[in-house]
Amino acid sequence: MRSLFLIGASIFSQLNPECGCAPRHLPKSAEQEQGADQRRGPAFSKLASGTERGEDGFFVSFSIYRAANNEKVVVQHCDFYSDARAKQHFERVISTALKVLVREPAKNGKGVIVGERAEAVFAGDQLGEEQDILLSTNGSMFQSIASNSRRAARDFQEWLASSESEASSRVEQP
């Protein structure tokens, strides 16, 4: 079985070789990353992160985390700089799923629809193996959260949303 690290490093090229996306944020130093993870709490610890260049010359950002239950979670971000292109990529990826469990509008913290989200099951590397992946768009951004555990992927999504909510509340305070 291929490790989640390799899945994280190559999932975009497998699902769409001409991804054409770039990271929205510049990479942070190890100290900045560790500090951010400590503020968010111990639920997930970062194992690795980076960017890779797709075949078309654009970049995909990925991070690999370990959940408290020892499951690995691979997160990828891709900015298509176009809502339509992110939606097109979402449709292309979701069409390769073995099974779509949930598909609904994606909403921000204020309840405004910002894109689409789905929970789907994809084929793994071994015969009969399955991979749970949460997919979403938020404007021009496409995100995937993959794990062998659907619970770990959902927990990570909630953890990430609460971390982003905390960060925005600190910014909005006078």
N, C-alpha and C. Protein backbone atom coordinates (compact mmCIF):
# COMPACT_ATOMS: atom_id res chain seq x y z
N MET A 1 0.84 -1.18 0.00
CA MET A 1 0.00 0.00 0.00
C MET A 1 0.89 1.24 0.00
N ARG A 2 0.57 2.19 -0.84
CA ARG A 2 1.34 3.42 -0.91
C ARG A 2 1.04 4.26 0.33
N SER A 3 2.04 4.90 0.90
CA SER A 3 1.85 5.68 2.11
C SER A 3 1.03 6.93 1.82
N LEU A 4 0.41 7.46 2.88
CA LEU A 4 -0.35 8.70 2.73
C LEU A 4 0.56 9.84 2.29
N PHE A 5 1.84 9.80 2.67
CA PHE A 5 2.73 10.86 2.22
C PHE A 5 2.78 10.91 0.71
N LEU A 6 2.92 9.73 0.08
CA LEU A 6 2.96 9.71 -1.37
C LEU A 6 1.63 10.11 -1.97
N ILE A 7 0.54 9.73 -1.31
CA ILE A 7 -0.78 10.16 -1.78
C ILE A 7 -0.84 11.68 -1.72
N GLY A 8 -0.37 12.25 -0.60
CA GLY A 8 -0.40 13.70 -0.45
C GLY A 8 0.44 14.40 -1.48
N ALA A 9 1.55 13.81 -1.84
CA ALA A 9 2.45 14.46 -2.79
C ALA A 9 1.99 14.31 -4.23
N SER A 10 1.08 13.35 -4.49
CA SER A 10 0.74 13.12 -5.89
C SER A 10 -0.75 13.10 -6.19
N ILE A 11 -1.62 13.34 -5.22
CA ILE A 11 -3.05 13.18 -5.45
C ILE A 11 -3.57 14.11 -6.55
N PHE A 12 -3.07 15.34 -6.61
CA PHE A 12 -3.55 16.24 -7.65
C PHE A 12 -3.13 15.76 -9.03
N SER A 13 -1.91 15.28 -9.16
CA SER A 13 -1.48 14.83 -10.48
C SER A 13 -2.23 13.58 -10.90
N GLN A 14 -2.67 12.75 -9.94
CA GLN A 14 -3.47 11.58 -10.28
C GLN A 14 -4.87 11.98 -10.71
N LEU A 15 -5.46 12.91 -9.97
CA LEU A 15 -6.84 13.28 -10.25
C LEU A 15 -6.95 14.25 -11.41
N ASN A 16 -5.94 15.06 -11.64
CA ASN A 16 -5.97 16.03 -12.73
C ASN A 16 -4.55 16.44 -13.07
N PRO A 17 -3.90 15.78 -14.02
CA PRO A 17 -2.51 16.09 -14.33
C PRO A 17 -2.28 17.54 -14.76
N GLU A 18 -3.27 18.20 -15.33
CA GLU A 18 -3.08 19.59 -15.75
C GLU A 18 -3.74 20.53 -14.75
N CYS A 19 -3.44 20.32 -13.48
CA CYS A 19 -4.09 21.05 -12.38
C CYS A 19 -4.12 22.56 -12.61
N GLY A 20 -3.00 23.17 -12.91
CA GLY A 20 -2.97 24.60 -13.17
C GLY A 20 -3.30 25.42 -11.95
N CYS A 21 -2.76 25.06 -10.81
CA CYS A 21 -3.10 25.80 -9.60
C CYS A 21 -1.84 26.25 -8.87
N ALA A 22 -2.02 27.16 -7.94
CA ALA A 22 -0.88 27.71 -7.21
C ALA A 22 -1.29 27.94 -5.77
N PRO A 23 -0.33 27.88 -4.84
CA PRO A 23 -0.67 28.11 -3.45
C PRO A 23 -1.06 29.56 -3.22
N ARG A 24 -2.01 29.78 -2.33
CA ARG A 24 -2.45 31.13 -2.01
C ARG A 24 -1.47 31.80 -1.05
N HIS A 25 -0.86 31.02 -0.16
CA HIS A 25 0.04 31.57 0.85
C HIS A 25 1.46 31.08 0.63
N LEU A 26 2.40 31.91 0.98
CA LEU A 26 3.80 31.50 0.90
C LEU A 26 4.10 30.54 2.05
N PRO A 27 5.05 29.64 1.87
CA PRO A 27 5.38 28.70 2.95
C PRO A 27 5.86 29.45 4.19
N LYS A 28 5.53 28.90 5.36
CA LYS A 28 5.95 29.49 6.63
C LYS A 28 7.18 28.75 7.13
N SER A 29 7.89 29.41 8.03
CA SER A 29 9.03 28.74 8.64
C SER A 29 8.53 27.66 9.59
N ALA A 30 9.42 26.75 9.97
CA ALA A 30 9.05 25.67 10.89
C ALA A 30 8.58 26.25 12.23
N GLU A 31 9.21 27.33 12.68
CA GLU A 31 8.83 27.94 13.95
C GLU A 31 7.42 28.54 13.87
N GLN A 32 7.10 29.20 12.76
CA GLN A 32 5.76 29.75 12.58
C GLN A 32 4.72 28.65 12.53
N GLU A 33 5.02 27.57 11.81
CA GLU A 33 4.09 26.44 11.71
C GLU A 33 3.86 25.82 13.08
N GLN A 34 4.95 25.59 13.83
CA GLN A 34 4.83 24.95 15.13
C GLN A 34 4.04 25.85 16.08
N GLY A 35 4.30 27.13 16.06
CA GLY A 35 3.55 28.07 16.91
C GLY A 35 2.07 28.07 16.58
N ALA A 36 1.73 28.06 15.31
CA ALA A 36 0.33 28.04 14.90
C ALA A 36 -0.34 26.76 15.36
N ASP A 37 0.34 25.62 15.23
CA ASP A 37 -0.23 24.35 15.65
C ASP A 37 -0.44 24.31 17.16
N GLN A 38 0.48 24.89 17.94
CA GLN A 38 0.34 24.90 19.39
C GLN A 38 -0.84 25.77 19.81
N ARG A 39 -1.08 26.88 19.13
CA ARG A 39 -2.23 27.74 19.46
C ARG A 39 -3.54 27.02 19.17
N ARG A 40 -3.57 26.20 18.13
CA ARG A 40 -4.80 25.50 17.76
C ARG A 40 -5.06 24.30 18.65
N GLY A 41 -4.10 23.86 19.41
CA GLY A 41 -4.33 22.73 20.29
C GLY A 41 -3.70 21.46 19.77
N PRO A 42 -3.78 20.41 20.58
CA PRO A 42 -3.06 19.18 20.28
C PRO A 42 -3.82 18.17 19.41
N ALA A 43 -4.99 18.49 18.89
CA ALA A 43 -5.79 17.51 18.16
C ALA A 43 -5.06 16.93 16.97
N PHE A 44 -4.28 17.72 16.26
CA PHE A 44 -3.53 17.26 15.09
C PHE A 44 -2.12 17.82 15.15
N SER A 45 -1.16 17.00 14.78
CA SER A 45 0.21 17.49 14.72
C SER A 45 0.70 17.36 13.28
N LYS A 46 1.40 18.39 12.84
CA LYS A 46 1.88 18.42 11.46
C LYS A 46 3.12 17.55 11.33
N LEU A 47 3.10 16.67 10.34
CA LEU A 47 4.25 15.80 10.06
C LEU A 47 5.12 16.35 8.95
N ALA A 48 4.48 16.92 7.93
CA ALA A 48 5.23 17.43 6.78
C ALA A 48 4.35 18.40 6.01
N SER A 49 4.98 19.25 5.23
CA SER A 49 4.24 20.14 4.34
C SER A 49 5.16 20.56 3.22
N GLY A 50 4.56 21.04 2.17
CA GLY A 50 5.36 21.51 1.06
C GLY A 50 4.50 21.89 -0.12
N THR A 51 5.16 22.12 -1.20
CA THR A 51 4.48 22.40 -2.46
C THR A 51 5.14 21.54 -3.52
N GLU A 52 4.38 21.22 -4.52
CA GLU A 52 4.96 20.52 -5.65
C GLU A 52 4.48 21.18 -6.93
N ARG A 53 5.31 21.12 -7.91
CA ARG A 53 5.00 21.71 -9.20
C ARG A 53 4.28 20.67 -10.05
N GLY A 54 3.10 21.06 -10.55
CA GLY A 54 2.36 20.19 -11.45
C GLY A 54 3.03 20.14 -12.81
N GLU A 55 2.54 19.27 -13.67
CA GLU A 55 3.12 19.13 -15.00
C GLU A 55 3.03 20.41 -15.81
N ASP A 56 2.05 21.25 -15.50
CA ASP A 56 1.87 22.49 -16.25
C ASP A 56 2.66 23.66 -15.66
N GLY A 57 3.45 23.40 -14.59
CA GLY A 57 4.29 24.44 -14.02
C GLY A 57 3.72 25.16 -12.83
N PHE A 58 2.47 24.91 -12.46
CA PHE A 58 1.87 25.55 -11.30
C PHE A 58 2.10 24.71 -10.05
N PHE A 59 1.79 25.28 -8.89
CA PHE A 59 2.09 24.63 -7.61
C PHE A 59 0.83 24.18 -6.87
N VAL A 60 0.98 23.12 -6.11
CA VAL A 60 -0.04 22.59 -5.22
C VAL A 60 0.57 22.55 -3.83
N SER A 61 -0.13 23.11 -2.83
CA SER A 61 0.34 23.06 -1.45
C SER A 61 -0.26 21.84 -0.77
N PHE A 62 0.54 21.15 0.02
CA PHE A 62 0.02 20.02 0.78
C PHE A 62 0.62 20.00 2.17
N SER A 63 -0.14 19.46 3.12
CA SER A 63 0.32 19.25 4.49
C SER A 63 -0.17 17.88 4.93
N ILE A 64 0.65 17.22 5.73
CA ILE A 64 0.29 15.91 6.27
C ILE A 64 0.28 16.03 7.79
N TYR A 65 -0.83 15.61 8.37
CA TYR A 65 -1.03 15.69 9.81
C TYR A 65 -1.26 14.30 10.38
N ARG A 66 -1.03 14.17 11.69
CA ARG A 66 -1.38 12.95 12.41
C ARG A 66 -2.44 13.34 13.44
N ALA A 67 -3.55 12.59 13.42
CA ALA A 67 -4.63 12.81 14.38
C ALA A 67 -4.28 12.18 15.72
N ALA A 68 -5.02 12.55 16.75
CA ALA A 68 -4.79 11.99 18.08
C ALA A 68 -4.94 10.47 18.08
N ASN A 69 -5.78 9.92 17.19
CA ASN A 69 -5.98 8.47 17.11
C ASN A 69 -4.93 7.81 16.20
N ASN A 70 -3.91 8.56 15.81
CA ASN A 70 -2.77 8.09 15.01
C ASN A 70 -3.07 7.96 13.51
N GLU A 71 -4.25 8.33 13.05
CA GLU A 71 -4.56 8.33 11.62
C GLU A 71 -3.86 9.50 10.95
N LYS A 72 -3.45 9.32 9.71
CA LYS A 72 -2.84 10.41 8.95
C LYS A 72 -3.91 11.10 8.11
N VAL A 73 -3.76 12.41 7.97
CA VAL A 73 -4.67 13.22 7.18
C VAL A 73 -3.82 14.06 6.22
N VAL A 74 -4.17 14.02 4.94
CA VAL A 74 -3.45 14.78 3.93
C VAL A 74 -4.36 15.90 3.44
N VAL A 75 -3.88 17.13 3.52
CA VAL A 75 -4.66 18.30 3.12
C VAL A 75 -3.96 18.97 1.95
N GLN A 76 -4.75 19.31 0.93
CA GLN A 76 -4.17 20.02 -0.21
C GLN A 76 -5.01 21.24 -0.55
N HIS A 77 -4.33 22.31 -0.95
CA HIS A 77 -4.98 23.56 -1.35
C HIS A 77 -4.50 23.92 -2.74
N CYS A 78 -5.39 24.46 -3.52
CA CYS A 78 -5.04 24.86 -4.86
C CYS A 78 -5.86 26.10 -5.23
N ASP A 79 -5.23 27.19 -5.58
CA ASP A 79 -5.94 28.39 -6.00
C ASP A 79 -5.93 28.45 -7.53
N PHE A 80 -7.12 28.35 -8.11
CA PHE A 80 -7.24 28.37 -9.57
C PHE A 80 -7.38 29.78 -10.11
N TYR A 81 -7.47 30.77 -9.23
CA TYR A 81 -7.63 32.17 -9.63
C TYR A 81 -8.86 32.38 -10.49
N SER A 82 -9.81 31.45 -10.42
CA SER A 82 -11.06 31.55 -11.16
C SER A 82 -12.07 30.63 -10.48
N ASP A 83 -13.23 31.19 -10.09
CA ASP A 83 -14.27 30.37 -9.48
C ASP A 83 -14.72 29.27 -10.43
N ALA A 84 -14.86 29.60 -11.71
CA ALA A 84 -15.32 28.63 -12.70
C ALA A 84 -14.32 27.48 -12.86
N ARG A 85 -13.03 27.80 -12.85
CA ARG A 85 -12.02 26.75 -13.01
C ARG A 85 -11.97 25.85 -11.78
N ALA A 86 -12.13 26.43 -10.58
CA ALA A 86 -12.18 25.61 -9.36
C ALA A 86 -13.39 24.69 -9.39
N LYS A 87 -14.52 25.20 -9.82
CA LYS A 87 -15.74 24.39 -9.94
C LYS A 87 -15.54 23.27 -10.97
N GLN A 88 -14.90 23.59 -12.08
CA GLN A 88 -14.64 22.58 -13.12
C GLN A 88 -13.74 21.47 -12.57
N HIS A 89 -12.73 21.84 -11.81
CA HIS A 89 -11.84 20.85 -11.21
C HIS A 89 -12.61 19.99 -10.20
N PHE A 90 -13.44 20.62 -9.39
CA PHE A 90 -14.29 19.90 -8.43
C PHE A 90 -15.13 18.85 -9.16
N GLU A 91 -15.76 19.24 -10.24
CA GLU A 91 -16.61 18.32 -11.01
C GLU A 91 -15.79 17.17 -11.60
N ARG A 92 -14.59 17.48 -12.07
CA ARG A 92 -13.73 16.45 -12.66
C ARG A 92 -13.31 15.43 -11.60
N VAL A 93 -12.94 15.93 -10.41
CA VAL A 93 -12.51 15.03 -9.34
C VAL A 93 -13.68 14.19 -8.84
N ILE A 94 -14.81 14.81 -8.59
CA ILE A 94 -15.97 14.10 -8.04
C ILE A 94 -16.47 13.03 -9.01
N SER A 95 -16.25 13.23 -10.29
CA SER A 95 -16.70 12.25 -11.28
C SER A 95 -15.89 10.94 -11.20
N THR A 96 -14.73 10.96 -10.53
CA THR A 96 -13.91 9.76 -10.40
C THR A 96 -14.18 9.00 -9.11
N ALA A 97 -15.09 9.50 -8.29
CA ALA A 97 -15.39 8.85 -7.00
C ALA A 97 -16.13 7.53 -7.21
N LEU A 98 -15.85 6.59 -6.32
CA LEU A 98 -16.60 5.34 -6.31
C LEU A 98 -18.02 5.59 -5.80
N LYS A 99 -18.10 6.50 -4.82
CA LYS A 99 -19.38 6.78 -4.18
C LYS A 99 -19.34 8.18 -3.60
N VAL A 100 -20.36 8.97 -3.87
CA VAL A 100 -20.49 10.30 -3.28
C VAL A 100 -21.47 10.19 -2.11
N LEU A 101 -20.99 10.46 -0.91
CA LEU A 101 -21.81 10.31 0.30
C LEU A 101 -22.62 11.57 0.59
N VAL A 102 -22.01 12.73 0.40
CA VAL A 102 -22.65 14.02 0.67
C VAL A 102 -22.20 14.99 -0.41
N ARG A 103 -23.14 15.77 -0.91
CA ARG A 103 -22.80 16.85 -1.85
C ARG A 103 -23.76 17.98 -1.56
N GLU A 104 -23.20 19.16 -1.22
CA GLU A 104 -24.04 20.27 -0.80
C GLU A 104 -23.28 21.59 -0.98
N PRO A 105 -24.00 22.71 -0.87
CA PRO A 105 -23.31 24.00 -0.94
C PRO A 105 -22.35 24.16 0.24
N ALA A 106 -21.20 24.78 0.00
CA ALA A 106 -20.25 25.10 1.07
C ALA A 106 -20.58 26.50 1.56
N LYS A 107 -20.64 26.66 2.89
CA LYS A 107 -20.97 27.95 3.47
C LYS A 107 -19.83 28.43 4.36
N ASN A 108 -19.69 29.74 4.42
CA ASN A 108 -18.68 30.30 5.32
C ASN A 108 -19.26 30.37 6.74
N GLY A 109 -18.52 30.91 7.68
CA GLY A 109 -18.95 31.00 9.07
C GLY A 109 -20.20 31.83 9.28
N LYS A 110 -20.54 32.68 8.31
CA LYS A 110 -21.73 33.53 8.42
C LYS A 110 -22.92 32.93 7.67
N GLY A 111 -22.75 31.71 7.14
CA GLY A 111 -23.85 31.05 6.45
C GLY A 111 -24.01 31.42 4.99
N VAL A 112 -23.07 32.17 4.44
CA VAL A 112 -23.12 32.57 3.04
C VAL A 112 -22.52 31.46 2.17
N ILE A 113 -23.21 31.09 1.10
CA ILE A 113 -22.70 30.06 0.20
C ILE A 113 -21.49 30.59 -0.55
N VAL A 114 -20.37 29.86 -0.44
CA VAL A 114 -19.11 30.29 -1.06
C VAL A 114 -18.60 29.30 -2.10
N GLY A 115 -19.27 28.16 -2.22
CA GLY A 115 -18.82 27.13 -3.16
C GLY A 115 -19.60 25.86 -2.96
N GLU A 116 -18.91 24.74 -3.10
CA GLU A 116 -19.54 23.43 -2.96
C GLU A 116 -18.63 22.52 -2.16
N ARG A 117 -19.22 21.55 -1.46
CA ARG A 117 -18.45 20.58 -0.70
C ARG A 117 -19.02 19.20 -0.94
N ALA A 118 -18.17 18.19 -0.77
CA ALA A 118 -18.60 16.81 -0.93
C ALA A 118 -17.75 15.90 -0.06
N GLU A 119 -18.36 14.81 0.37
CA GLU A 119 -17.65 13.72 1.01
C GLU A 119 -17.79 12.55 0.07
N ALA A 120 -16.66 11.96 -0.32
CA ALA A 120 -16.71 10.89 -1.32
C ALA A 120 -15.69 9.81 -1.00
N VAL A 121 -15.92 8.64 -1.57
CA VAL A 121 -15.03 7.50 -1.42
C VAL A 121 -14.37 7.25 -2.77
N PHE A 122 -13.04 7.13 -2.75
CA PHE A 122 -12.26 6.91 -3.96
C PHE A 122 -11.52 5.58 -3.83
N ALA A 123 -11.15 5.01 -4.95
CA ALA A 123 -10.38 3.77 -4.95
C ALA A 123 -8.99 4.03 -4.40
N GLY A 124 -8.49 3.09 -3.61
CA GLY A 124 -7.13 3.16 -3.10
C GLY A 124 -6.19 2.44 -4.06
N ASP A 125 -4.96 2.26 -3.64
CA ASP A 125 -3.96 1.61 -4.49
C ASP A 125 -4.15 0.10 -4.59
N GLN A 126 -4.60 -0.52 -3.51
CA GLN A 126 -4.79 -1.95 -3.49
C GLN A 126 -6.22 -2.30 -3.88
N LEU A 127 -6.41 -3.44 -4.48
CA LEU A 127 -7.74 -3.91 -4.85
C LEU A 127 -8.63 -3.95 -3.61
N GLY A 128 -9.76 -3.29 -3.67
CA GLY A 128 -10.69 -3.25 -2.56
C GLY A 128 -10.41 -2.17 -1.53
N GLU A 129 -9.27 -1.51 -1.62
CA GLU A 129 -8.93 -0.45 -0.68
C GLU A 129 -9.67 0.83 -1.05
N GLU A 130 -10.13 1.56 -0.03
CA GLU A 130 -10.85 2.81 -0.27
C GLU A 130 -10.22 3.95 0.49
N GLN A 131 -10.38 5.15 -0.03
CA GLN A 131 -9.85 6.38 0.56
C GLN A 131 -10.99 7.38 0.67
N ASP A 132 -11.20 7.91 1.87
CA ASP A 132 -12.22 8.94 2.07
C ASP A 132 -11.60 10.30 1.82
N ILE A 133 -12.26 11.10 1.00
CA ILE A 133 -11.75 12.44 0.70
C ILE A 133 -12.89 13.44 0.80
N LEU A 134 -12.65 14.51 1.55
CA LEU A 134 -13.58 15.63 1.63
C LEU A 134 -13.09 16.67 0.64
N LEU A 135 -13.95 17.10 -0.24
CA LEU A 135 -13.61 18.08 -1.27
C LEU A 135 -14.42 19.34 -1.05
N SER A 136 -13.83 20.48 -1.37
CA SER A 136 -14.61 21.72 -1.29
C SER A 136 -14.01 22.80 -2.17
N THR A 137 -14.87 23.72 -2.55
CA THR A 137 -14.42 24.95 -3.21
C THR A 137 -14.88 26.12 -2.36
N ASN A 138 -14.10 27.18 -2.42
CA ASN A 138 -14.44 28.44 -1.77
C ASN A 138 -13.95 29.50 -2.73
N GLY A 139 -14.86 29.93 -3.61
CA GLY A 139 -14.45 30.84 -4.67
C GLY A 139 -13.48 30.13 -5.59
N SER A 140 -12.29 30.69 -5.76
CA SER A 140 -11.29 30.10 -6.66
C SER A 140 -10.45 29.01 -6.00
N MET A 141 -10.64 28.80 -4.69
CA MET A 141 -9.85 27.80 -3.96
C MET A 141 -10.50 26.42 -4.02
N PHE A 142 -9.67 25.41 -4.25
CA PHE A 142 -10.09 24.01 -4.18
C PHE A 142 -9.30 23.37 -3.05
N GLN A 143 -9.97 22.58 -2.21
CA GLN A 143 -9.31 21.92 -1.09
C GLN A 143 -9.73 20.46 -1.04
N SER A 144 -8.79 19.60 -0.70
CA SER A 144 -9.12 18.20 -0.43
C SER A 144 -8.51 17.80 0.90
N ILE A 145 -9.26 16.98 1.64
CA ILE A 145 -8.80 16.43 2.91
C ILE A 145 -8.98 14.92 2.80
N ALA A 146 -7.88 14.19 2.78
CA ALA A 146 -7.92 12.75 2.57
C ALA A 146 -7.40 11.99 3.78
N SER A 147 -8.05 10.86 4.06
CA SER A 147 -7.62 9.99 5.15
C SER A 147 -8.19 8.61 4.92
N ASN A 148 -7.58 7.63 5.56
CA ASN A 148 -8.16 6.29 5.54
C ASN A 148 -9.32 6.20 6.53
N SER A 149 -9.49 7.24 7.34
CA SER A 149 -10.57 7.31 8.33
C SER A 149 -11.46 8.51 8.03
N ARG A 150 -12.71 8.26 7.71
CA ARG A 150 -13.65 9.36 7.45
C ARG A 150 -13.78 10.25 8.68
N ARG A 151 -13.78 9.66 9.87
CA ARG A 151 -13.90 10.41 11.12
C ARG A 151 -12.72 11.37 11.26
N ALA A 152 -11.51 10.90 10.99
CA ALA A 152 -10.33 11.76 11.10
C ALA A 152 -10.40 12.91 10.12
N ALA A 153 -10.87 12.65 8.89
CA ALA A 153 -11.00 13.72 7.89
C ALA A 153 -12.03 14.76 8.34
N ARG A 154 -13.16 14.30 8.85
CA ARG A 154 -14.19 15.24 9.33
C ARG A 154 -13.70 16.02 10.54
N ASP A 155 -13.03 15.33 11.47
CA ASP A 155 -12.49 16.02 12.65
C ASP A 155 -11.49 17.08 12.23
N PHE A 156 -10.64 16.77 11.25
CA PHE A 156 -9.67 17.75 10.79
C PHE A 156 -10.38 18.96 10.19
N GLN A 157 -11.41 18.72 9.39
CA GLN A 157 -12.16 19.82 8.78
C GLN A 157 -12.74 20.74 9.85
N GLU A 158 -13.31 20.15 10.90
CA GLU A 158 -13.86 20.94 12.01
C GLU A 158 -12.75 21.68 12.75
N TRP A 159 -11.63 21.01 12.98
CA TRP A 159 -10.50 21.62 13.67
C TRP A 159 -9.96 22.80 12.88
N LEU A 160 -9.85 22.62 11.57
CA LEU A 160 -9.37 23.70 10.71
C LEU A 160 -10.33 24.88 10.72
N ALA A 161 -11.63 24.60 10.64
CA ALA A 161 -12.63 25.67 10.65
C ALA A 161 -12.60 26.43 11.97
N SER A 162 -12.45 25.73 13.10
CA SER A 162 -12.40 26.42 14.39
C SER A 162 -11.12 27.23 14.52
N SER A 163 -10.01 26.73 13.97
CA SER A 163 -8.75 27.48 14.00
C SER A 163 -8.86 28.76 13.18
N GLU A 164 -9.49 28.65 12.00
CA GLU A 164 -9.67 29.83 11.15
C GLU A 164 -10.62 30.83 11.80
N SER A 165 -11.64 30.32 12.48
CA SER A 165 -12.60 31.18 13.17
C SER A 165 -11.91 31.95 14.29
N GLU A 166 -11.06 31.25 15.06
CA GLU A 166 -10.31 31.91 16.13
C GLU A 166 -9.40 32.99 15.57
N ALA A 167 -8.73 32.70 14.47
CA ALA A 167 -7.82 33.67 13.87
C ALA A 167 -8.57 34.89 13.39
N SER A 168 -9.73 34.71 12.74
CA SER A 168 -10.48 35.86 12.24
C SER A 168 -11.07 36.67 13.38
N SER A 169 -11.43 36.04 14.49
CA SER A 169 -11.97 36.81 15.62
C SER A 169 -10.88 37.66 16.25
N ARG A 170 -9.64 37.16 16.26
CA ARG A 170 -8.53 37.96 16.79
C ARG A 170 -8.27 39.17 15.89
N VAL A 171 -8.43 39.01 14.59
CA VAL A 171 -8.18 40.09 13.64
C VAL A 171 -9.28 41.13 13.74
N GLU A 172 -10.55 40.70 13.91
CA GLU A 172 -11.69 41.61 13.90
C GLU A 172 -11.79 42.44 15.17
N GLN A 173 -11.14 42.01 16.27
CA GLN A 173 -11.22 42.77 17.51
C GLN A 173 -10.41 44.05 17.39
N PRO A 174 -10.97 45.17 17.94
CA PRO A 174 -10.26 46.45 17.85
C PRO A 174 -9.02 46.51 18.70
